[in-house]
Amino acid sequence: MSNTIRKAALLQKRKWRIRKTVTGTAARPRLSVKFSGKHIYAQAIDDAAGKTLVFLSTLDAEVKKQNAKGNVSGAKLVGGAFATKAKAAGINAVVFDRNGRRFHGRVKTFADAAREGGLQF
């Protein structure tokens, strides 16, 4: 098994392990964050209904104007913009789903910016 396949399998195991315990409701949705090589995607999900309540990424026009990319500074911009959009939708508290990633770097920066924007974890 190559290193790439092994790392992907370990990441998937971490995702499943986390998802067993982290669930979102309408009152406190799950804030899921995904990082690709170039972009950041964040969404607030009501797992009971199976619906996405709020979605934001670096591809959205309002974030793209600020020249946000998939790096740490982009994570800060997306985190703040997501908090603003979630507050406008009536979401004040979320359960943070780091999607198998360590709480470090881009994940931590995104979470801190969302907290500064007014979301409670």
PDB file of N, CA and C in Angstrom:
ATOM      1  N   MET A   1       0.850  -1.174   0.000  1.00  0.00           N
ATOM      2  CA  MET A   1       0.000   0.000   0.000  1.00  0.00           C
ATOM      3  C   MET A   1       0.896   1.237   0.000  1.00  0.00           C
ATOM      4  N   SER A   2       0.633   2.146  -0.921  1.00  0.00           N
ATOM      5  CA  SER A   2       1.465   3.341  -1.009  1.00  0.00           C
ATOM      6  C   SER A   2       1.142   4.307   0.133  1.00  0.00           C
ATOM      7  N   ASN A   3       2.042   5.235   0.347  1.00  0.00           N
ATOM      8  CA  ASN A   3       1.854   6.213   1.414  1.00  0.00           C
ATOM      9  C   ASN A   3       0.611   7.062   1.190  1.00  0.00           C
ATOM     10  N   THR A   4       0.336   7.434  -0.045  1.00  0.00           N
ATOM     11  CA  THR A   4      -0.819   8.272  -0.352  1.00  0.00           C
ATOM     12  C   THR A   4      -2.119   7.555  -0.018  1.00  0.00           C
ATOM     13  N   ILE A   5      -2.222   6.304  -0.403  1.00  0.00           N
ATOM     14  CA  ILE A   5      -3.429   5.523  -0.125  1.00  0.00           C
ATOM     15  C   ILE A   5      -3.584   5.308   1.375  1.00  0.00           C
ATOM     16  N   ARG A   6      -2.482   5.032   2.058  1.00  0.00           N
ATOM     17  CA  ARG A   6      -2.525   4.805   3.505  1.00  0.00           C
ATOM     18  C   ARG A   6      -2.967   6.071   4.241  1.00  0.00           C
ATOM     19  N   LYS A   7      -2.431   7.230   3.843  1.00  0.00           N
ATOM     20  CA  LYS A   7      -2.802   8.486   4.486  1.00  0.00           C
ATOM     21  C   LYS A   7      -4.278   8.809   4.259  1.00  0.00           C
ATOM     22  N   ALA A   8      -4.775   8.561   3.057  1.00  0.00           N
ATOM     23  CA  ALA A   8      -6.185   8.807   2.753  1.00  0.00           C
ATOM     24  C   ALA A   8      -7.080   7.882   3.569  1.00  0.00           C
ATOM     25  N   ALA A   9      -6.662   6.630   3.736  1.00  0.00           N
ATOM     26  CA  ALA A   9      -7.443   5.676   4.523  1.00  0.00           C
ATOM     27  C   ALA A   9      -7.476   6.083   5.993  1.00  0.00           C
ATOM     28  N   LEU A  10      -6.356   6.551   6.517  1.00  0.00           N
ATOM     29  CA  LEU A  10      -6.314   6.994   7.911  1.00  0.00           C
ATOM     30  C   LEU A  10      -7.174   8.236   8.124  1.00  0.00           C
ATOM     31  N   LEU A  11      -7.164   9.159   7.159  1.00  0.00           N
ATOM     32  CA  LEU A  11      -8.011  10.343   7.249  1.00  0.00           C
ATOM     33  C   LEU A  11      -9.482   9.942   7.251  1.00  0.00           C
ATOM     34  N   GLN A  12      -9.855   8.990   6.411  1.00  0.00           N
ATOM     35  CA  GLN A  12     -11.244   8.536   6.349  1.00  0.00           C
ATOM     36  C   GLN A  12     -11.669   7.892   7.667  1.00  0.00           C
ATOM     37  N   LYS A  13     -10.768   7.109   8.279  1.00  0.00           N
ATOM     38  CA  LYS A  13     -11.074   6.500   9.579  1.00  0.00           C
ATOM     39  C   LYS A  13     -11.299   7.565  10.642  1.00  0.00           C
ATOM     40  N   ARG A  14     -10.483   8.626  10.633  1.00  0.00           N
ATOM     41  CA  ARG A  14     -10.656   9.720  11.596  1.00  0.00           C
ATOM     42  C   ARG A  14     -11.987  10.425  11.372  1.00  0.00           C
ATOM     43  N   LYS A  15     -12.362  10.637  10.108  1.00  0.00           N
ATOM     44  CA  LYS A  15     -13.639  11.281   9.798  1.00  0.00           C
ATOM     45  C   LYS A  15     -14.803  10.472  10.358  1.00  0.00           C
ATOM     46  N   TRP A  16     -14.785   9.163  10.112  1.00  0.00           N
ATOM     47  CA  TRP A  16     -15.871   8.306  10.595  1.00  0.00           C
ATOM     48  C   TRP A  16     -15.925   8.296  12.115  1.00  0.00           C
ATOM     49  N   ARG A  17     -14.771   8.254  12.751  1.00  0.00           N
ATOM     50  CA  ARG A  17     -14.722   8.218  14.214  1.00  0.00           C
ATOM     51  C   ARG A  17     -15.294   9.513  14.804  1.00  0.00           C
ATOM     52  N   ILE A  18     -14.967  10.633  14.195  1.00  0.00           N
ATOM     53  CA  ILE A  18     -15.476  11.916  14.673  1.00  0.00           C
ATOM     54  C   ILE A  18     -16.973  12.036  14.412  1.00  0.00           C
ATOM     55  N   ARG A  19     -17.420  11.602  13.240  1.00  0.00           N
ATOM     56  CA  ARG A  19     -18.833  11.736  12.874  1.00  0.00           C
ATOM     57  C   ARG A  19     -19.760  10.883  13.727  1.00  0.00           C
ATOM     58  N   LYS A  20     -19.212   9.844  14.384  1.00  0.00           N
ATOM     59  CA  LYS A  20     -20.035   9.044  15.289  1.00  0.00           C
ATOM     60  C   LYS A  20     -20.487   9.864  16.488  1.00  0.00           C
ATOM     61  N   THR A  21     -19.676  10.827  16.901  1.00  0.00           N
ATOM     62  CA  THR A  21     -19.990  11.588  18.107  1.00  0.00           C
ATOM     63  C   THR A  21     -20.504  12.996  17.821  1.00  0.00           C
ATOM     64  N   VAL A  22     -20.133  13.589  16.700  1.00  0.00           N
ATOM     65  CA  VAL A  22     -20.510  14.970  16.394  1.00  0.00           C
ATOM     66  C   VAL A  22     -21.723  14.964  15.474  1.00  0.00           C
ATOM     67  N   THR A  23     -22.870  15.434  15.993  1.00  0.00           N
ATOM     68  CA  THR A  23     -24.077  15.550  15.177  1.00  0.00           C
ATOM     69  C   THR A  23     -24.684  16.929  15.382  1.00  0.00           C
ATOM     70  N   GLY A  24     -25.352  17.413  14.362  1.00  0.00           N
ATOM     71  CA  GLY A  24     -25.960  18.728  14.425  1.00  0.00           C
ATOM     72  C   GLY A  24     -27.472  18.649  14.451  1.00  0.00           C
ATOM     73  N   THR A  25     -28.095  19.631  15.081  1.00  0.00           N
ATOM     74  CA  THR A  25     -29.546  19.748  15.124  1.00  0.00           C
ATOM     75  C   THR A  25     -29.919  21.110  14.537  1.00  0.00           C
ATOM     76  N   ALA A  26     -31.212  21.379  14.467  1.00  0.00           N
ATOM     77  CA  ALA A  26     -31.641  22.677  13.947  1.00  0.00           C
ATOM     78  C   ALA A  26     -31.224  23.797  14.896  1.00  0.00           C
ATOM     79  N   ALA A  27     -31.258  23.528  16.211  1.00  0.00           N
ATOM     80  CA  ALA A  27     -30.877  24.541  17.195  1.00  0.00           C
ATOM     81  C   ALA A  27     -29.365  24.745  17.243  1.00  0.00           C
ATOM     82  N   ARG A  28     -28.613  23.668  17.055  1.00  0.00           N
ATOM     83  CA  ARG A  28     -27.148  23.732  17.106  1.00  0.00           C
ATOM     84  C   ARG A  28     -26.583  22.885  15.967  1.00  0.00           C
ATOM     85  N   PRO A  29     -26.486  23.444  14.761  1.00  0.00           N
ATOM     86  CA  PRO A  29     -26.035  22.665  13.608  1.00  0.00           C
ATOM     87  C   PRO A  29     -24.546  22.336  13.667  1.00  0.00           C
ATOM     88  N   ARG A  30     -24.155  21.379  12.847  1.00  0.00           N
ATOM     89  CA  ARG A  30     -22.751  20.965  12.748  1.00  0.00           C
ATOM     90  C   ARG A  30     -22.060  21.860  11.730  1.00  0.00           C
ATOM     91  N   LEU A  31     -20.961  22.478  12.146  1.00  0.00           N
ATOM     92  CA  LEU A  31     -20.160  23.313  11.255  1.00  0.00           C
ATOM     93  C   LEU A  31     -19.037  22.459  10.703  1.00  0.00           C
ATOM     94  N   SER A  32     -19.184  22.041   9.449  1.00  0.00           N
ATOM     95  CA  SER A  32     -18.212  21.177   8.797  1.00  0.00           C
ATOM     96  C   SER A  32     -17.306  22.015   7.909  1.00  0.00           C
ATOM     97  N   VAL A  33     -15.994  21.782   8.024  1.00  0.00           N
ATOM     98  CA  VAL A  33     -15.008  22.532   7.253  1.00  0.00           C
ATOM     99  C   VAL A  33     -14.190  21.562   6.426  1.00  0.00           C
ATOM    100  N   LYS A  34     -14.039  21.866   5.121  1.00  0.00           N
ATOM    101  CA  LYS A  34     -13.223  21.038   4.240  1.00  0.00           C
ATOM    102  C   LYS A  34     -12.183  21.924   3.573  1.00  0.00           C
ATOM    103  N   PHE A  35     -10.967  21.417   3.516  1.00  0.00           N
ATOM    104  CA  PHE A  35      -9.868  22.138   2.885  1.00  0.00           C
ATOM    105  C   PHE A  35      -9.368  21.320   1.706  1.00  0.00           C
ATOM    106  N   SER A  36      -9.431  21.901   0.517  1.00  0.00           N
ATOM    107  CA  SER A  36      -8.815  21.263  -0.638  1.00  0.00           C
ATOM    108  C   SER A  36      -7.458  21.924  -0.845  1.00  0.00           C
ATOM    109  N   GLY A  37      -6.803  21.614  -1.929  1.00  0.00           N
ATOM    110  CA  GLY A  37      -5.514  22.230  -2.186  1.00  0.00           C
ATOM    111  C   GLY A  37      -5.605  23.725  -2.417  1.00  0.00           C
ATOM    112  N   LYS A  38      -6.710  24.191  -3.019  1.00  0.00           N
ATOM    113  CA  LYS A  38      -6.836  25.601  -3.377  1.00  0.00           C
ATOM    114  C   LYS A  38      -7.935  26.347  -2.637  1.00  0.00           C
ATOM    115  N   HIS A  39      -8.932  25.650  -2.103  1.00  0.00           N
ATOM    116  CA  HIS A  39     -10.113  26.325  -1.577  1.00  0.00           C
ATOM    117  C   HIS A  39     -10.517  25.800  -0.205  1.00  0.00           C
ATOM    118  N   ILE A  40     -11.396  26.573   0.444  1.00  0.00           N
ATOM    119  CA  ILE A  40     -11.947  26.231   1.750  1.00  0.00           C
ATOM    120  C   ILE A  40     -13.466  26.222   1.609  1.00  0.00           C
ATOM    121  N   TYR A  41     -14.100  25.194   2.141  1.00  0.00           N
ATOM    122  CA  TYR A  41     -15.551  25.054   2.087  1.00  0.00           C
ATOM    123  C   TYR A  41     -16.069  24.878   3.510  1.00  0.00           C
ATOM    124  N   ALA A  42     -17.106  25.631   3.881  1.00  0.00           N
ATOM    125  CA  ALA A  42     -17.694  25.519   5.214  1.00  0.00           C
ATOM    126  C   ALA A  42     -19.207  25.470   5.077  1.00  0.00           C
ATOM    127  N   GLN A  43     -19.837  24.621   5.889  1.00  0.00           N
ATOM    128  CA  GLN A  43     -21.287  24.544   5.860  1.00  0.00           C
ATOM    129  C   GLN A  43     -21.833  24.191   7.231  1.00  0.00           C
ATOM    130  N   ALA A  44     -23.005  24.736   7.530  1.00  0.00           N
ATOM    131  CA  ALA A  44     -23.733  24.416   8.753  1.00  0.00           C
ATOM    132  C   ALA A  44     -24.815  23.417   8.367  1.00  0.00           C
ATOM    133  N   ILE A  45     -24.797  22.242   9.012  1.00  0.00           N
ATOM    134  CA  ILE A  45     -25.657  21.133   8.608  1.00  0.00           C
ATOM    135  C   ILE A  45     -26.568  20.723   9.758  1.00  0.00           C
ATOM    136  N   ASP A  46     -27.858  20.572   9.459  1.00  0.00           N
ATOM    137  CA  ASP A  46     -28.818  19.995  10.395  1.00  0.00           C
ATOM    138  C   ASP A  46     -28.902  18.510  10.066  1.00  0.00           C
ATOM    139  N   ASP A  47     -28.228  17.669  10.865  1.00  0.00           N
ATOM    140  CA  ASP A  47     -28.174  16.238  10.579  1.00  0.00           C
ATOM    141  C   ASP A  47     -29.516  15.548  10.793  1.00  0.00           C
ATOM    142  N   ALA A  48     -30.347  16.078  11.686  1.00  0.00           N
ATOM    143  CA  ALA A  48     -31.651  15.466  11.933  1.00  0.00           C
ATOM    144  C   ALA A  48     -32.527  15.548  10.681  1.00  0.00           C
ATOM    145  N   ALA A  49     -32.493  16.685   9.992  1.00  0.00           N
ATOM    146  CA  ALA A  49     -33.288  16.862   8.779  1.00  0.00           C
ATOM    147  C   ALA A  49     -32.499  16.520   7.521  1.00  0.00           C
ATOM    148  N   GLY A  50     -31.179  16.423   7.647  1.00  0.00           N
ATOM    149  CA  GLY A  50     -30.338  16.132   6.490  1.00  0.00           C
ATOM    150  C   GLY A  50     -30.231  17.304   5.529  1.00  0.00           C
ATOM    151  N   LYS A  51     -30.216  18.535   6.070  1.00  0.00           N
ATOM    152  CA  LYS A  51     -30.192  19.721   5.220  1.00  0.00           C
ATOM    153  C   LYS A  51     -29.025  20.632   5.579  1.00  0.00           C
ATOM    154  N   THR A  52     -28.488  21.279   4.557  1.00  0.00           N
ATOM    155  CA  THR A  52     -27.466  22.297   4.754  1.00  0.00           C
ATOM    156  C   THR A  52     -28.170  23.631   4.962  1.00  0.00           C
ATOM    157  N   LEU A  53     -27.861  24.294   6.074  1.00  0.00           N
ATOM    158  CA  LEU A  53     -28.517  25.551   6.406  1.00  0.00           C
ATOM    159  C   LEU A  53     -27.767  26.760   5.838  1.00  0.00           C
ATOM    160  N   VAL A  54     -26.446  26.741   5.935  1.00  0.00           N
ATOM    161  CA  VAL A  54     -25.613  27.842   5.438  1.00  0.00           C
ATOM    162  C   VAL A  54     -24.384  27.238   4.781  1.00  0.00           C
ATOM    163  N   PHE A  55     -23.979  27.796   3.633  1.00  0.00           N
ATOM    164  CA  PHE A  55     -22.778  27.328   2.942  1.00  0.00           C
ATOM    165  C   PHE A  55     -21.959  28.525   2.500  1.00  0.00           C
ATOM    166  N   LEU A  56     -20.640  28.402   2.621  1.00  0.00           N
ATOM    167  CA  LEU A  56     -19.743  29.457   2.157  1.00  0.00           C
ATOM    168  C   LEU A  56     -18.416  28.829   1.769  1.00  0.00           C
ATOM    169  N   SER A  57     -17.801  29.360   0.725  1.00  0.00           N
ATOM    170  CA  SER A  57     -16.484  28.874   0.314  1.00  0.00           C
ATOM    171  C   SER A  57     -15.675  30.030  -0.251  1.00  0.00           C
ATOM    172  N   THR A  58     -14.433  29.764  -0.565  1.00  0.00           N
ATOM    173  CA  THR A  58     -13.581  30.783  -1.171  1.00  0.00           C
ATOM    174  C   THR A  58     -14.000  31.065  -2.607  1.00  0.00           C
ATOM    175  N   LEU A  59     -14.899  30.268  -3.158  1.00  0.00           N
ATOM    176  CA  LEU A  59     -15.392  30.481  -4.519  1.00  0.00           C
ATOM    177  C   LEU A  59     -16.566  31.456  -4.575  1.00  0.00           C
ATOM    178  N   ASP A  60     -17.172  31.792  -3.421  1.00  0.00           N
ATOM    179  CA  ASP A  60     -18.291  32.730  -3.396  1.00  0.00           C
ATOM    180  C   ASP A  60     -17.817  34.136  -3.745  1.00  0.00           C
ATOM    181  N   ALA A  61     -18.699  34.903  -4.363  1.00  0.00           N
ATOM    182  CA  ALA A  61     -18.332  36.230  -4.863  1.00  0.00           C
ATOM    183  C   ALA A  61     -17.890  37.167  -3.744  1.00  0.00           C
ATOM    184  N   GLU A  62     -18.604  37.150  -2.615  1.00  0.00           N
ATOM    185  CA  GLU A  62     -18.274  38.084  -1.529  1.00  0.00           C
ATOM    186  C   GLU A  62     -16.906  37.795  -0.917  1.00  0.00           C
ATOM    187  N   VAL A  63     -16.495  36.538  -0.910  1.00  0.00           N
ATOM    188  CA  VAL A  63     -15.187  36.170  -0.361  1.00  0.00           C
ATOM    189  C   VAL A  63     -14.111  36.315  -1.429  1.00  0.00           C
ATOM    190  N   LYS A  64     -14.471  36.044  -2.668  1.00  0.00           N
ATOM    191  CA  LYS A  64     -13.511  36.134  -3.776  1.00  0.00           C
ATOM    192  C   LYS A  64     -13.013  37.567  -3.971  1.00  0.00           C
ATOM    193  N   LYS A  65     -13.880  38.553  -3.673  1.00  0.00           N
ATOM    194  CA  LYS A  65     -13.490  39.958  -3.793  1.00  0.00           C
ATOM    195  C   LYS A  65     -12.317  40.287  -2.875  1.00  0.00           C
ATOM    196  N   GLN A  66     -12.241  39.602  -1.744  1.00  0.00           N
ATOM    197  CA  GLN A  66     -11.174  39.850  -0.768  1.00  0.00           C
ATOM    198  C   GLN A  66      -9.922  39.049  -1.091  1.00  0.00           C
ATOM    199  N   ASN A  67      -9.935  38.360  -2.236  1.00  0.00           N
ATOM    200  CA  ASN A  67      -8.785  37.585  -2.719  1.00  0.00           C
ATOM    201  C   ASN A  67      -8.403  36.468  -1.744  1.00  0.00           C
ATOM    202  N   ALA A  68      -9.410  35.761  -1.222  1.00  0.00           N
ATOM    203  CA  ALA A  68      -9.170  34.665  -0.285  1.00  0.00           C
ATOM    204  C   ALA A  68      -8.767  33.405  -1.038  1.00  0.00           C
ATOM    205  N   LYS A  69      -7.790  32.725  -0.516  1.00  0.00           N
ATOM    206  CA  LYS A  69      -7.326  31.462  -1.087  1.00  0.00           C
ATOM    207  C   LYS A  69      -7.424  30.383  -0.016  1.00  0.00           C
ATOM    208  N   GLY A  70      -6.873  29.219  -0.272  1.00  0.00           N
ATOM    209  CA  GLY A  70      -6.967  28.107   0.661  1.00  0.00           C
ATOM    210  C   GLY A  70      -5.898  28.096   1.733  1.00  0.00           C
ATOM    211  N   ASN A  71      -5.277  29.240   1.998  1.00  0.00           N
ATOM    212  CA  ASN A  71      -4.213  29.289   2.998  1.00  0.00           C
ATOM    213  C   ASN A  71      -4.746  29.807   4.334  1.00  0.00           C
ATOM    214  N   VAL A  72      -3.846  30.112   5.265  1.00  0.00           N
ATOM    215  CA  VAL A  72      -4.248  30.536   6.606  1.00  0.00           C
ATOM    216  C   VAL A  72      -4.986  31.872   6.564  1.00  0.00           C
ATOM    217  N   SER A  73      -4.511  32.814   5.772  1.00  0.00           N
ATOM    218  CA  SER A  73      -5.201  34.106   5.691  1.00  0.00           C
ATOM    219  C   SER A  73      -6.585  33.945   5.058  1.00  0.00           C
ATOM    220  N   GLY A  74      -6.706  33.041   4.099  1.00  0.00           N
ATOM    221  CA  GLY A  74      -8.009  32.745   3.512  1.00  0.00           C
ATOM    222  C   GLY A  74      -8.943  32.101   4.515  1.00  0.00           C
ATOM    223  N   ALA A  75      -8.399  31.252   5.385  1.00  0.00           N
ATOM    224  CA  ALA A  75      -9.206  30.609   6.424  1.00  0.00           C
ATOM    225  C   ALA A  75      -9.770  31.653   7.380  1.00  0.00           C
ATOM    226  N   LYS A  76      -8.981  32.678   7.673  1.00  0.00           N
ATOM    227  CA  LYS A  76      -9.451  33.742   8.562  1.00  0.00           C
ATOM    228  C   LYS A  76     -10.589  34.521   7.908  1.00  0.00           C
ATOM    229  N   LEU A  77     -10.448  34.836   6.623  1.00  0.00           N
ATOM    230  CA  LEU A  77     -11.496  35.564   5.902  1.00  0.00           C
ATOM    231  C   LEU A  77     -12.782  34.746   5.807  1.00  0.00           C
ATOM    232  N   VAL A  78     -12.647  33.474   5.461  1.00  0.00           N
ATOM    233  CA  VAL A  78     -13.823  32.610   5.312  1.00  0.00           C
ATOM    234  C   VAL A  78     -14.499  32.392   6.665  1.00  0.00           C
ATOM    235  N   GLY A  79     -13.715  32.221   7.724  1.00  0.00           N
ATOM    236  CA  GLY A  79     -14.285  32.034   9.059  1.00  0.00           C
ATOM    237  C   GLY A  79     -15.107  33.227   9.500  1.00  0.00           C
ATOM    238  N   GLY A  80     -14.586  34.423   9.299  1.00  0.00           N
ATOM    239  CA  GLY A  80     -15.327  35.627   9.666  1.00  0.00           C
ATOM    240  C   GLY A  80     -16.573  35.818   8.820  1.00  0.00           C
ATOM    241  N   ALA A  81     -16.445  35.598   7.515  1.00  0.00           N
ATOM    242  CA  ALA A  81     -17.595  35.749   6.613  1.00  0.00           C
ATOM    243  C   ALA A  81     -18.662  34.701   6.906  1.00  0.00           C
ATOM    244  N   PHE A  82     -18.224  33.482   7.262  1.00  0.00           N
ATOM    245  CA  PHE A  82     -19.187  32.433   7.580  1.00  0.00           C
ATOM    246  C   PHE A  82     -19.958  32.782   8.846  1.00  0.00           C
ATOM    247  N   ALA A  83     -19.268  33.311   9.847  1.00  0.00           N
ATOM    248  CA  ALA A  83     -19.940  33.694  11.089  1.00  0.00           C
ATOM    249  C   ALA A  83     -20.994  34.760  10.817  1.00  0.00           C
ATOM    250  N   THR A  84     -20.669  35.724   9.984  1.00  0.00           N
ATOM    251  CA  THR A  84     -21.621  36.781   9.635  1.00  0.00           C
ATOM    252  C   THR A  84     -22.841  36.205   8.921  1.00  0.00           C
ATOM    253  N   LYS A  85     -22.599  35.317   7.969  1.00  0.00           N
ATOM    254  CA  LYS A  85     -23.694  34.709   7.205  1.00  0.00           C
ATOM    255  C   LYS A  85     -24.558  33.815   8.099  1.00  0.00           C
ATOM    256  N   ALA A  86     -23.933  33.081   9.014  1.00  0.00           N
ATOM    257  CA  ALA A  86     -24.676  32.203   9.921  1.00  0.00           C
ATOM    258  C   ALA A  86     -25.521  33.022  10.895  1.00  0.00           C
ATOM    259  N   LYS A  87     -24.962  34.109  11.409  1.00  0.00           N
ATOM    260  CA  LYS A  87     -25.720  34.965  12.328  1.00  0.00           C
ATOM    261  C   LYS A  87     -26.930  35.562  11.612  1.00  0.00           C
ATOM    262  N   ALA A  88     -26.769  35.923  10.337  1.00  0.00           N
ATOM    263  CA  ALA A  88     -27.884  36.466   9.562  1.00  0.00           C
ATOM    264  C   ALA A  88     -28.975  35.418   9.361  1.00  0.00           C
ATOM    265  N   ALA A  89     -28.582  34.135   9.319  1.00  0.00           N
ATOM    266  CA  ALA A  89     -29.551  33.047   9.157  1.00  0.00           C
ATOM    267  C   ALA A  89     -30.140  32.606  10.496  1.00  0.00           C
ATOM    268  N   GLY A  90     -29.721  33.248  11.598  1.00  0.00           N
ATOM    269  CA  GLY A  90     -30.274  32.925  12.913  1.00  0.00           C
ATOM    270  C   GLY A  90     -29.538  31.826  13.645  1.00  0.00           C
ATOM    271  N   ILE A  91     -28.323  31.525  13.243  1.00  0.00           N
ATOM    272  CA  ILE A  91     -27.520  30.486  13.900  1.00  0.00           C
ATOM    273  C   ILE A  91     -26.507  31.170  14.809  1.00  0.00           C
ATOM    274  N   ASN A  92     -26.583  30.870  16.106  1.00  0.00           N
ATOM    275  CA  ASN A  92     -25.663  31.468  17.071  1.00  0.00           C
ATOM    276  C   ASN A  92     -24.674  30.468  17.636  1.00  0.00           C
ATOM    277  N   ALA A  93     -25.067  29.200  17.723  1.00  0.00           N
ATOM    278  CA  ALA A  93     -24.208  28.165  18.309  1.00  0.00           C
ATOM    279  C   ALA A  93     -24.099  26.994  17.338  1.00  0.00           C
ATOM    280  N   VAL A  94     -22.900  26.429  17.240  1.00  0.00           N
ATOM    281  CA  VAL A  94     -22.648  25.304  16.342  1.00  0.00           C
ATOM    282  C   VAL A  94     -21.809  24.255  17.056  1.00  0.00           C
ATOM    283  N   VAL A  95     -21.782  23.064  16.464  1.00  0.00           N
ATOM    284  CA  VAL A  95     -20.875  21.999  16.881  1.00  0.00           C
ATOM    285  C   VAL A  95     -19.812  21.919  15.796  1.00  0.00           C
ATOM    286  N   PHE A  96     -18.540  22.049  16.162  1.00  0.00           N
ATOM    287  CA  PHE A  96     -17.469  22.140  15.169  1.00  0.00           C
ATOM    288  C   PHE A  96     -17.012  20.755  14.744  1.00  0.00           C
ATOM    289  N   ASP A  97     -17.056  20.506  13.437  1.00  0.00           N
ATOM    290  CA  ASP A  97     -16.583  19.257  12.841  1.00  0.00           C
ATOM    291  C   ASP A  97     -15.339  19.586  12.032  1.00  0.00           C
ATOM    292  N   ARG A  98     -14.172  19.187  12.546  1.00  0.00           N
ATOM    293  CA  ARG A  98     -12.916  19.526  11.880  1.00  0.00           C
ATOM    294  C   ARG A  98     -12.604  18.577  10.740  1.00  0.00           C
ATOM    295  N   ASN A  99     -13.483  17.619  10.504  1.00  0.00           N
ATOM    296  CA  ASN A  99     -13.419  16.753   9.323  1.00  0.00           C
ATOM    297  C   ASN A  99     -12.148  15.904   9.273  1.00  0.00           C
ATOM    298  N   GLY A 100     -11.724  15.403  10.420  1.00  0.00           N
ATOM    299  CA  GLY A 100     -10.574  14.505  10.470  1.00  0.00           C
ATOM    300  C   GLY A 100      -9.234  15.203  10.554  1.00  0.00           C
ATOM    301  N   ARG A 101      -9.226  16.516  10.499  1.00  0.00           N
ATOM    302  CA  ARG A 101      -7.973  17.275  10.529  1.00  0.00           C
ATOM    303  C   ARG A 101      -7.598  17.636  11.962  1.00  0.00           C
ATOM    304  N   ARG A 102      -6.313  17.906  12.179  1.00  0.00           N
ATOM    305  CA  ARG A 102      -5.859  18.375  13.483  1.00  0.00           C
ATOM    306  C   ARG A 102      -6.339  19.801  13.701  1.00  0.00           C
ATOM    307  N   PHE A 103      -6.574  20.150  14.955  1.00  0.00           N
ATOM    308  CA  PHE A 103      -6.974  21.512  15.292  1.00  0.00           C
ATOM    309  C   PHE A 103      -5.712  22.363  15.342  1.00  0.00           C
ATOM    310  N   HIS A 104      -5.234  22.729  14.159  1.00  0.00           N
ATOM    311  CA  HIS A 104      -3.950  23.405  14.015  1.00  0.00           C
ATOM    312  C   HIS A 104      -3.936  24.103  12.660  1.00  0.00           C
ATOM    313  N   GLY A 105      -3.233  25.193  12.545  1.00  0.00           N
ATOM    314  CA  GLY A 105      -3.072  25.853  11.254  1.00  0.00           C
ATOM    315  C   GLY A 105      -4.362  26.436  10.717  1.00  0.00           C
ATOM    316  N   ARG A 106      -4.757  26.006   9.511  1.00  0.00           N
ATOM    317  CA  ARG A 106      -5.942  26.553   8.851  1.00  0.00           C
ATOM    318  C   ARG A 106      -7.217  26.256   9.623  1.00  0.00           C
ATOM    319  N   VAL A 107      -7.307  25.070  10.222  1.00  0.00           N
ATOM    320  CA  VAL A 107      -8.510  24.699  10.978  1.00  0.00           C
ATOM    321  C   VAL A 107      -8.659  25.610  12.192  1.00  0.00           C
ATOM    322  N   LYS A 108      -7.580  25.799  12.922  1.00  0.00           N
ATOM    323  CA  LYS A 108      -7.603  26.648  14.120  1.00  0.00           C
ATOM    324  C   LYS A 108      -7.891  28.101  13.752  1.00  0.00           C
ATOM    325  N   THR A 109      -7.284  28.591  12.689  1.00  0.00           N
ATOM    326  CA  THR A 109      -7.505  29.967  12.253  1.00  0.00           C
ATOM    327  C   THR A 109      -8.956  30.186  11.846  1.00  0.00           C
ATOM    328  N   PHE A 110      -9.532  29.226  11.122  1.00  0.00           N
ATOM    329  CA  PHE A 110     -10.940  29.311  10.731  1.00  0.00           C
ATOM    330  C   PHE A 110     -11.830  29.355  11.972  1.00  0.00           C
ATOM    331  N   ALA A 111     -11.578  28.455  12.927  1.00  0.00           N
ATOM    332  CA  ALA A 111     -12.397  28.384  14.136  1.00  0.00           C
ATOM    333  C   ALA A 111     -12.289  29.666  14.958  1.00  0.00           C
ATOM    334  N   ASP A 112     -11.084  30.192  15.102  1.00  0.00           N
ATOM    335  CA  ASP A 112     -10.897  31.425  15.867  1.00  0.00           C
ATOM    336  C   ASP A 112     -11.618  32.599  15.210  1.00  0.00           C
ATOM    337  N   ALA A 113     -11.559  32.689  13.885  1.00  0.00           N
ATOM    338  CA  ALA A 113     -12.240  33.770  13.168  1.00  0.00           C
ATOM    339  C   ALA A 113     -13.754  33.638  13.296  1.00  0.00           C
ATOM    340  N   ALA A 114     -14.267  32.414  13.270  1.00  0.00           N
ATOM    341  CA  ALA A 114     -15.710  32.203  13.430  1.00  0.00           C
ATOM    342  C   ALA A 114     -16.148  32.572  14.847  1.00  0.00           C
ATOM    343  N   ARG A 115     -15.318  32.254  15.834  1.00  0.00           N
ATOM    344  CA  ARG A 115     -15.626  32.639  17.221  1.00  0.00           C
ATOM    345  C   ARG A 115     -15.617  34.159  17.376  1.00  0.00           C
ATOM    346  N   GLU A 116     -14.628  34.816  16.776  1.00  0.00           N
ATOM    347  CA  GLU A 116     -14.563  36.280  16.833  1.00  0.00           C
ATOM    348  C   GLU A 116     -15.775  36.904  16.148  1.00  0.00           C
ATOM    349  N   GLY A 117     -16.301  36.224  15.138  1.00  0.00           N
ATOM    350  CA  GLY A 117     -17.480  36.704  14.428  1.00  0.00           C
ATOM    351  C   GLY A 117     -18.769  36.525  15.204  1.00  0.00           C
ATOM    352  N   GLY A 118     -18.723  35.801  16.320  1.00  0.00           N
ATOM    353  CA  GLY A 118     -19.900  35.675  17.171  1.00  0.00           C
ATOM    354  C   GLY A 118     -20.491  34.288  17.282  1.00  0.00           C
ATOM    355  N   LEU A 119     -19.922  33.292  16.612  1.00  0.00           N
ATOM    356  CA  LEU A 119     -20.436  31.928  16.753  1.00  0.00           C
ATOM    357  C   LEU A 119     -19.904  31.299  18.033  1.00  0.00           C
ATOM    358  N   GLN A 120     -20.745  30.524  18.686  1.00  0.00           N
ATOM    359  CA  GLN A 120     -20.324  29.804  19.889  1.00  0.00           C
ATOM    360  C   GLN A 120     -20.157  28.338  19.549  1.00  0.00           C
ATOM    361  N   PHE A 121     -19.028  27.768  19.968  1.00  0.00           N
ATOM    362  CA  PHE A 121     -18.741  26.355  19.717  1.00  0.00           C
ATOM    363  C   PHE A 121     -19.039  25.576  20.975  1.00  0.00           C
TER     364      PHE A 121
END
